[in-house]
């Protein structure tokens, strides 16, 4: 299923998330280790997945579970925080 998501779609999701999520959250993510981010699956992960759904990204739960960490990390990298 992951192969169905194009690079362009991921880039759109990154841009959407970096525009919509608060700088405060992006700052916290920037400071988190990968392990800390993994621990956020049921908290920040749900928030990110719900935001993406609200933004029109109609990806299934498996895809969102696999991609949310990558997308938020890329959003941090592209943001101006």
PDB file of N, CA and C in Angstrom:
ATOM      1  N   UNK A   1       0.807  -1.207   0.000  1.00  0.00           N
ATOM      2  CA  UNK A   1       0.000   0.000   0.000  1.00  0.00           C
ATOM      3  C   UNK A   1       0.845   1.264   0.000  1.00  0.00           C
ATOM      4  N   UNK A   2       2.002   1.201   0.621  1.00  0.00           N
ATOM      5  CA  UNK A   2       2.844   2.388   0.646  1.00  0.00           C
ATOM      6  C   UNK A   2       3.271   2.805  -0.745  1.00  0.00           C
ATOM      7  N   UNK A   3       3.439   1.827  -1.633  1.00  0.00           N
ATOM      8  CA  UNK A   3       3.884   2.152  -2.975  1.00  0.00           C
ATOM      9  C   UNK A   3       2.858   2.969  -3.753  1.00  0.00           C
ATOM     10  N   UNK A   4       1.629   3.017  -3.294  1.00  0.00           N
ATOM     11  CA  UNK A   4       0.587   3.780  -3.964  1.00  0.00           C
ATOM     12  C   UNK A   4       0.668   5.273  -3.652  1.00  0.00           C
ATOM     13  N   UNK A   5       1.412   5.657  -2.652  1.00  0.00           N
ATOM     14  CA  UNK A   5       1.549   7.055  -2.275  1.00  0.00           C
ATOM     15  C   UNK A   5       2.752   7.626  -3.012  1.00  0.00           C
ATOM     16  N   UNK A   6       2.502   8.603  -3.840  1.00  0.00           N
ATOM     17  CA  UNK A   6       3.586   9.173  -4.645  1.00  0.00           C
ATOM     18  C   UNK A   6       4.422  10.140  -3.820  1.00  0.00           C
ATOM     19  N   UNK A   7       5.608  10.390  -4.313  1.00  0.00           N
ATOM     20  CA  UNK A   7       6.491  11.364  -3.678  1.00  0.00           C
ATOM     21  C   UNK A   7       5.819  12.736  -3.632  1.00  0.00           C
ATOM     22  N   UNK A   8       5.092  13.062  -4.678  1.00  0.00           N
ATOM     23  CA  UNK A   8       4.395  14.355  -4.743  1.00  0.00           C
ATOM     24  C   UNK A   8       3.320  14.460  -3.661  1.00  0.00           C
ATOM     25  N   UNK A   9       2.603  13.354  -3.432  1.00  0.00           N
ATOM     26  CA  UNK A   9       1.584  13.352  -2.386  1.00  0.00           C
ATOM     27  C   UNK A   9       2.210  13.539  -1.008  1.00  0.00           C
ATOM     28  N   UNK A  10       3.342  12.903  -0.784  1.00  0.00           N
ATOM     29  CA  UNK A  10       4.038  13.072   0.493  1.00  0.00           C
ATOM     30  C   UNK A  10       4.499  14.512   0.640  1.00  0.00           C
ATOM     31  N   UNK A  11       5.034  15.088  -0.434  1.00  0.00           N
ATOM     32  CA  UNK A  11       5.470  16.490  -0.384  1.00  0.00           C
ATOM     33  C   UNK A  11       4.295  17.417  -0.091  1.00  0.00           C
ATOM     34  N   UNK A  12       3.131  17.144  -0.679  1.00  0.00           N
ATOM     35  CA  UNK A  12       1.937  17.942  -0.398  1.00  0.00           C
ATOM     36  C   UNK A  12       1.531  17.810   1.067  1.00  0.00           C
ATOM     37  N   UNK A  13       1.608  16.598   1.598  1.00  0.00           N
ATOM     38  CA  UNK A  13       1.254  16.364   2.998  1.00  0.00           C
ATOM     39  C   UNK A  13       2.223  17.095   3.926  1.00  0.00           C
ATOM     40  N   UNK A  14       3.500  17.069   3.598  1.00  0.00           N
ATOM     41  CA  UNK A  14       4.511  17.775   4.392  1.00  0.00           C
ATOM     42  C   UNK A  14       4.205  19.265   4.398  1.00  0.00           C
ATOM     43  N   UNK A  15       3.926  19.826   3.239  1.00  0.00           N
ATOM     44  CA  UNK A  15       3.628  21.259   3.148  1.00  0.00           C
ATOM     45  C   UNK A  15       2.363  21.600   3.928  1.00  0.00           C
ATOM     46  N   UNK A  16       1.348  20.786   3.771  1.00  0.00           N
ATOM     47  CA  UNK A  16       0.098  21.007   4.501  1.00  0.00           C
ATOM     48  C   UNK A  16       0.349  20.996   6.003  1.00  0.00           C
ATOM     49  N   UNK A  17       1.049  19.983   6.458  1.00  0.00           N
ATOM     50  CA  UNK A  17       1.290  19.846   7.892  1.00  0.00           C
ATOM     51  C   UNK A  17       2.143  20.994   8.416  1.00  0.00           C
ATOM     52  N   UNK A  18       3.170  21.382   7.679  1.00  0.00           N
ATOM     53  CA  UNK A  18       4.023  22.470   8.159  1.00  0.00           C
ATOM     54  C   UNK A  18       3.262  23.795   8.207  1.00  0.00           C
ATOM     55  N   UNK A  19       2.246  23.938   7.354  1.00  0.00           N
ATOM     56  CA  UNK A  19       1.410  25.151   7.381  1.00  0.00           C
ATOM     57  C   UNK A  19       0.380  25.116   8.506  1.00  0.00           C
ATOM     58  N   UNK A  20      -0.110  23.931   8.842  1.00  0.00           N
ATOM     59  CA  UNK A  20      -1.251  23.809   9.746  1.00  0.00           C
ATOM     60  C   UNK A  20      -0.907  23.509  11.201  1.00  0.00           C
ATOM     61  N   UNK A  21       0.175  22.821  11.441  1.00  0.00           N
ATOM     62  CA  UNK A  21       0.500  22.434  12.813  1.00  0.00           C
ATOM     63  C   UNK A  21       1.229  23.592  13.500  1.00  0.00           C
ATOM     64  N   UNK A  22       1.058  23.700  14.775  1.00  0.00           N
ATOM     65  CA  UNK A  22       1.641  24.842  15.487  1.00  0.00           C
ATOM     66  C   UNK A  22       3.167  24.754  15.542  1.00  0.00           C
ATOM     67  N   UNK A  23       3.784  25.923  15.571  1.00  0.00           N
ATOM     68  CA  UNK A  23       5.244  25.983  15.704  1.00  0.00           C
ATOM     69  C   UNK A  23       5.698  25.345  17.010  1.00  0.00           C
ATOM     70  N   UNK A  24       4.874  25.443  18.031  1.00  0.00           N
ATOM     71  CA  UNK A  24       5.205  24.839  19.325  1.00  0.00           C
ATOM     72  C   UNK A  24       5.376  23.324  19.185  1.00  0.00           C
ATOM     73  N   UNK A  25       4.465  22.700  18.478  1.00  0.00           N
ATOM     74  CA  UNK A  25       4.564  21.253  18.274  1.00  0.00           C
ATOM     75  C   UNK A  25       5.764  20.922  17.400  1.00  0.00           C
ATOM     76  N   UNK A  26       5.976  21.704  16.358  1.00  0.00           N
ATOM     77  CA  UNK A  26       7.129  21.458  15.492  1.00  0.00           C
ATOM     78  C   UNK A  26       8.439  21.579  16.272  1.00  0.00           C
ATOM     79  N   UNK A  27       8.507  22.543  17.176  1.00  0.00           N
ATOM     80  CA  UNK A  27       9.709  22.699  18.021  1.00  0.00           C
ATOM     81  C   UNK A  27       9.924  21.463  18.889  1.00  0.00           C
ATOM     82  N   UNK A  28       8.841  20.969  19.484  1.00  0.00           N
ATOM     83  CA  UNK A  28       8.956  19.772  20.329  1.00  0.00           C
ATOM     84  C   UNK A  28       9.427  18.578  19.517  1.00  0.00           C
ATOM     85  N   UNK A  29       8.873  18.412  18.316  1.00  0.00           N
ATOM     86  CA  UNK A  29       9.270  17.294  17.453  1.00  0.00           C
ATOM     87  C   UNK A  29      10.741  17.421  17.072  1.00  0.00           C
ATOM     88  N   UNK A  30      11.164  18.635  16.821  1.00  0.00           N
ATOM     89  CA  UNK A  30      12.555  18.890  16.438  1.00  0.00           C
ATOM     90  C   UNK A  30      13.523  18.399  17.514  1.00  0.00           C
ATOM     91  N   UNK A  31      13.106  18.495  18.761  1.00  0.00           N
ATOM     92  CA  UNK A  31      13.954  18.110  19.883  1.00  0.00           C
ATOM     93  C   UNK A  31      13.841  16.631  20.252  1.00  0.00           C
ATOM     94  N   UNK A  32      12.871  15.923  19.685  1.00  0.00           N
ATOM     95  CA  UNK A  32      12.632  14.523  20.047  1.00  0.00           C
ATOM     96  C   UNK A  32      13.575  13.579  19.313  1.00  0.00           C
ATOM     97  N   UNK A  33      13.990  12.557  20.032  1.00  0.00           N
ATOM     98  CA  UNK A  33      14.719  11.462  19.390  1.00  0.00           C
ATOM     99  C   UNK A  33      13.694  10.596  18.653  1.00  0.00           C
ATOM    100  N   UNK A  34      14.180   9.705  17.820  1.00  0.00           N
ATOM    101  CA  UNK A  34      13.268   8.805  17.100  1.00  0.00           C
ATOM    102  C   UNK A  34      12.479   7.941  18.079  1.00  0.00           C
ATOM    103  N   UNK A  35      13.123   7.494  19.139  1.00  0.00           N
ATOM    104  CA  UNK A  35      12.437   6.679  20.146  1.00  0.00           C
ATOM    105  C   UNK A  35      11.328   7.477  20.826  1.00  0.00           C
ATOM    106  N   UNK A  36      11.609   8.731  21.174  1.00  0.00           N
ATOM    107  CA  UNK A  36      10.587   9.574  21.797  1.00  0.00           C
ATOM    108  C   UNK A  36       9.414   9.788  20.846  1.00  0.00           C
ATOM    109  N   UNK A  37       9.721   9.963  19.575  1.00  0.00           N
ATOM    110  CA  UNK A  37       8.662  10.151  18.596  1.00  0.00           C
ATOM    111  C   UNK A  37       7.824   8.884  18.454  1.00  0.00           C
ATOM    112  N   UNK A  38       8.463   7.744  18.468  1.00  0.00           N
ATOM    113  CA  UNK A  38       7.728   6.471  18.417  1.00  0.00           C
ATOM    114  C   UNK A  38       6.774   6.338  19.599  1.00  0.00           C
ATOM    115  N   UNK A  39       7.203   6.820  20.763  1.00  0.00           N
ATOM    116  CA  UNK A  39       6.363   6.765  21.962  1.00  0.00           C
ATOM    117  C   UNK A  39       5.130   7.661  21.843  1.00  0.00           C
ATOM    118  N   UNK A  40       5.130   8.573  20.881  1.00  0.00           N
ATOM    119  CA  UNK A  40       4.022   9.511  20.693  1.00  0.00           C
ATOM    120  C   UNK A  40       2.951   8.989  19.742  1.00  0.00           C
ATOM    121  N   UNK A  41       3.046   7.721  19.368  1.00  0.00           N
ATOM    122  CA  UNK A  41       2.126   7.142  18.384  1.00  0.00           C
ATOM    123  C   UNK A  41       0.659   7.376  18.736  1.00  0.00           C
ATOM    124  N   UNK A  42       0.300   7.206  19.994  1.00  0.00           N
ATOM    125  CA  UNK A  42      -1.104   7.348  20.390  1.00  0.00           C
ATOM    126  C   UNK A  42      -1.494   8.780  20.753  1.00  0.00           C
ATOM    127  N   UNK A  43      -0.558   9.682  20.741  1.00  0.00           N
ATOM    128  CA  UNK A  43      -0.854  11.068  21.100  1.00  0.00           C
ATOM    129  C   UNK A  43      -0.623  11.967  19.891  1.00  0.00           C
ATOM    130  N   UNK A  44       0.603  12.341  19.662  1.00  0.00           N
ATOM    131  CA  UNK A  44       0.944  13.189  18.523  1.00  0.00           C
ATOM    132  C   UNK A  44       0.621  12.480  17.211  1.00  0.00           C
ATOM    133  N   UNK A  45       0.863  11.191  17.159  1.00  0.00           N
ATOM    134  CA  UNK A  45       0.577  10.432  15.942  1.00  0.00           C
ATOM    135  C   UNK A  45      -0.873  10.527  15.527  1.00  0.00           C
ATOM    136  N   UNK A  46      -1.774  10.414  16.471  1.00  0.00           N
ATOM    137  CA  UNK A  46      -3.203  10.528  16.160  1.00  0.00           C
ATOM    138  C   UNK A  46      -3.532  11.934  15.701  1.00  0.00           C
ATOM    139  N   UNK A  47      -2.951  12.931  16.348  1.00  0.00           N
ATOM    140  CA  UNK A  47      -3.192  14.318  15.953  1.00  0.00           C
ATOM    141  C   UNK A  47      -2.732  14.551  14.517  1.00  0.00           C
ATOM    142  N   UNK A  48      -1.542  14.079  14.190  1.00  0.00           N
ATOM    143  CA  UNK A  48      -1.009  14.245  12.834  1.00  0.00           C
ATOM    144  C   UNK A  48      -1.889  13.506  11.825  1.00  0.00           C
ATOM    145  N   UNK A  49      -2.233  12.277  12.123  1.00  0.00           N
ATOM    146  CA  UNK A  49      -3.071  11.501  11.201  1.00  0.00           C
ATOM    147  C   UNK A  49      -4.423  12.169  10.993  1.00  0.00           C
ATOM    148  N   UNK A  50      -5.033  12.678  12.073  1.00  0.00           N
ATOM    149  CA  UNK A  50      -6.323  13.355  11.937  1.00  0.00           C
ATOM    150  C   UNK A  50      -6.195  14.643  11.131  1.00  0.00           C
ATOM    151  N   UNK A  51      -5.127  15.383  11.341  1.00  0.00           N
ATOM    152  CA  UNK A  51      -4.914  16.612  10.572  1.00  0.00           C
ATOM    153  C   UNK A  51      -4.780  16.296   9.086  1.00  0.00           C
ATOM    154  N   UNK A  52      -4.045  15.252   8.774  1.00  0.00           N
ATOM    155  CA  UNK A  52      -3.879  14.877   7.370  1.00  0.00           C
ATOM    156  C   UNK A  52      -5.212  14.461   6.755  1.00  0.00           C
ATOM    157  N   UNK A  53      -5.997  13.708   7.498  1.00  0.00           N
ATOM    158  CA  UNK A  53      -7.328  13.325   6.994  1.00  0.00           C
ATOM    159  C   UNK A  53      -8.183  14.558   6.743  1.00  0.00           C
ATOM    160  N   UNK A  54      -8.160  15.496   7.706  1.00  0.00           N
ATOM    161  CA  UNK A  54      -8.935  16.733   7.557  1.00  0.00           C
ATOM    162  C   UNK A  54      -8.449  17.548   6.372  1.00  0.00           C
ATOM    163  N   UNK A  55      -7.175  17.409   6.038  1.00  0.00           N
ATOM    164  CA  UNK A  55      -6.590  18.128   4.912  1.00  0.00           C
ATOM    165  C   UNK A  55      -6.850  17.460   3.569  1.00  0.00           C
ATOM    166  N   UNK A  56      -7.600  16.364   3.587  1.00  0.00           N
ATOM    167  CA  UNK A  56      -7.972  15.725   2.340  1.00  0.00           C
ATOM    168  C   UNK A  56      -7.102  14.551   1.927  1.00  0.00           C
ATOM    169  N   UNK A  57      -6.191  14.156   2.776  1.00  0.00           N
ATOM    170  CA  UNK A  57      -5.341  13.008   2.475  1.00  0.00           C
ATOM    171  C   UNK A  57      -6.087  11.759   2.912  1.00  0.00           C
ATOM    172  N   UNK A  58      -6.686  11.097   1.966  1.00  0.00           N
ATOM    173  CA  UNK A  58      -7.583   9.959   2.223  1.00  0.00           C
ATOM    174  C   UNK A  58      -6.828   8.638   2.199  1.00  0.00           C
ATOM    175  N   UNK A  59      -5.725   8.601   2.911  1.00  0.00           N
ATOM    176  CA  UNK A  59      -4.915   7.391   2.976  1.00  0.00           C
ATOM    177  C   UNK A  59      -5.482   6.483   4.057  1.00  0.00           C
ATOM    178  N   UNK A  60      -5.316   5.193   3.867  1.00  0.00           N
ATOM    179  CA  UNK A  60      -5.850   4.271   4.866  1.00  0.00           C
ATOM    180  C   UNK A  60      -4.994   4.301   6.141  1.00  0.00           C
ATOM    181  N   UNK A  61      -5.511   3.679   7.171  1.00  0.00           N
ATOM    182  CA  UNK A  61      -4.856   3.705   8.482  1.00  0.00           C
ATOM    183  C   UNK A  61      -3.459   3.109   8.467  1.00  0.00           C
ATOM    184  N   UNK A  62      -3.262   2.050   7.710  1.00  0.00           N
ATOM    185  CA  UNK A  62      -1.941   1.416   7.647  1.00  0.00           C
ATOM    186  C   UNK A  62      -0.922   2.383   7.062  1.00  0.00           C
ATOM    187  N   UNK A  63      -1.293   3.061   5.993  1.00  0.00           N
ATOM    188  CA  UNK A  63      -0.394   4.023   5.360  1.00  0.00           C
ATOM    189  C   UNK A  63      -0.097   5.178   6.318  1.00  0.00           C
ATOM    190  N   UNK A  64      -1.136   5.698   6.948  1.00  0.00           N
ATOM    191  CA  UNK A  64      -0.929   6.798   7.893  1.00  0.00           C
ATOM    192  C   UNK A  64      -0.050   6.377   9.064  1.00  0.00           C
ATOM    193  N   UNK A  65      -0.249   5.174   9.560  1.00  0.00           N
ATOM    194  CA  UNK A  65       0.589   4.678  10.658  1.00  0.00           C
ATOM    195  C   UNK A  65       2.056   4.596  10.244  1.00  0.00           C
ATOM    196  N   UNK A  66       2.293   4.225   8.997  1.00  0.00           N
ATOM    197  CA  UNK A  66       3.665   4.090   8.513  1.00  0.00           C
ATOM    198  C   UNK A  66       4.316   5.440   8.199  1.00  0.00           C
ATOM    199  N   UNK A  67       3.532   6.419   7.773  1.00  0.00           N
ATOM    200  CA  UNK A  67       4.106   7.655   7.247  1.00  0.00           C
ATOM    201  C   UNK A  67       4.074   8.862   8.170  1.00  0.00           C
ATOM    202  N   UNK A  68       3.277   8.848   9.218  1.00  0.00           N
ATOM    203  CA  UNK A  68       3.099  10.085   9.979  1.00  0.00           C
ATOM    204  C   UNK A  68       4.411  10.607  10.559  1.00  0.00           C
ATOM    205  N   UNK A  69       5.289   9.713  11.025  1.00  0.00           N
ATOM    206  CA  UNK A  69       6.558  10.178  11.607  1.00  0.00           C
ATOM    207  C   UNK A  69       7.455  10.816  10.546  1.00  0.00           C
ATOM    208  N   UNK A  70       7.530  10.192   9.403  1.00  0.00           N
ATOM    209  CA  UNK A  70       8.336  10.758   8.317  1.00  0.00           C
ATOM    210  C   UNK A  70       7.796  12.120   7.895  1.00  0.00           C
ATOM    211  N   UNK A  71       6.486  12.226   7.781  1.00  0.00           N
ATOM    212  CA  UNK A  71       5.879  13.480   7.333  1.00  0.00           C
ATOM    213  C   UNK A  71       6.107  14.589   8.342  1.00  0.00           C
ATOM    214  N   UNK A  72       5.957  14.302   9.623  1.00  0.00           N
ATOM    215  CA  UNK A  72       6.172  15.369  10.598  1.00  0.00           C
ATOM    216  C   UNK A  72       7.647  15.744  10.695  1.00  0.00           C
ATOM    217  N   UNK A  73       8.537  14.783  10.565  1.00  0.00           N
ATOM    218  CA  UNK A  73       9.974  15.099  10.550  1.00  0.00           C
ATOM    219  C   UNK A  73      10.313  16.005   9.360  1.00  0.00           C
ATOM    220  N   UNK A  74       9.773  15.688   8.206  1.00  0.00           N
ATOM    221  CA  UNK A  74      10.012  16.517   7.024  1.00  0.00           C
ATOM    222  C   UNK A  74       9.359  17.898   7.185  1.00  0.00           C
ATOM    223  N   UNK A  75       8.210  17.959   7.845  1.00  0.00           N
ATOM    224  CA  UNK A  75       7.573  19.248   8.116  1.00  0.00           C
ATOM    225  C   UNK A  75       8.447  20.116   8.996  1.00  0.00           C
ATOM    226  N   UNK A  76       9.081  19.518   9.977  1.00  0.00           N
ATOM    227  CA  UNK A  76      10.014  20.258  10.839  1.00  0.00           C
ATOM    228  C   UNK A  76      11.164  20.806  10.000  1.00  0.00           C
ATOM    229  N   UNK A  77      11.723  19.964   9.142  1.00  0.00           N
ATOM    230  CA  UNK A  77      12.854  20.378   8.306  1.00  0.00           C
ATOM    231  C   UNK A  77      12.508  21.510   7.363  1.00  0.00           C
ATOM    232  N   UNK A  78      11.271  21.536   6.864  1.00  0.00           N
ATOM    233  CA  UNK A  78      10.887  22.560   5.894  1.00  0.00           C
ATOM    234  C   UNK A  78      10.265  23.802   6.517  1.00  0.00           C
ATOM    235  N   UNK A  79       9.966  23.731   7.801  1.00  0.00           N
ATOM    236  CA  UNK A  79       9.339  24.889   8.452  1.00  0.00           C
ATOM    237  C   UNK A  79      10.383  25.959   8.755  1.00  0.00           C
ATOM    238  N   UNK A  80       9.888  27.108   9.097  1.00  0.00           N
ATOM    239  CA  UNK A  80      10.764  28.248   9.396  1.00  0.00           C
ATOM    240  C   UNK A  80      10.879  28.480  10.898  1.00  0.00           C
ATOM    241  N   UNK A  81      10.898  27.408  11.676  1.00  0.00           N
ATOM    242  CA  UNK A  81      11.007  27.566  13.126  1.00  0.00           C
ATOM    243  C   UNK A  81      12.464  27.610  13.532  1.00  0.00           C
TER     244      UNK A  81
END
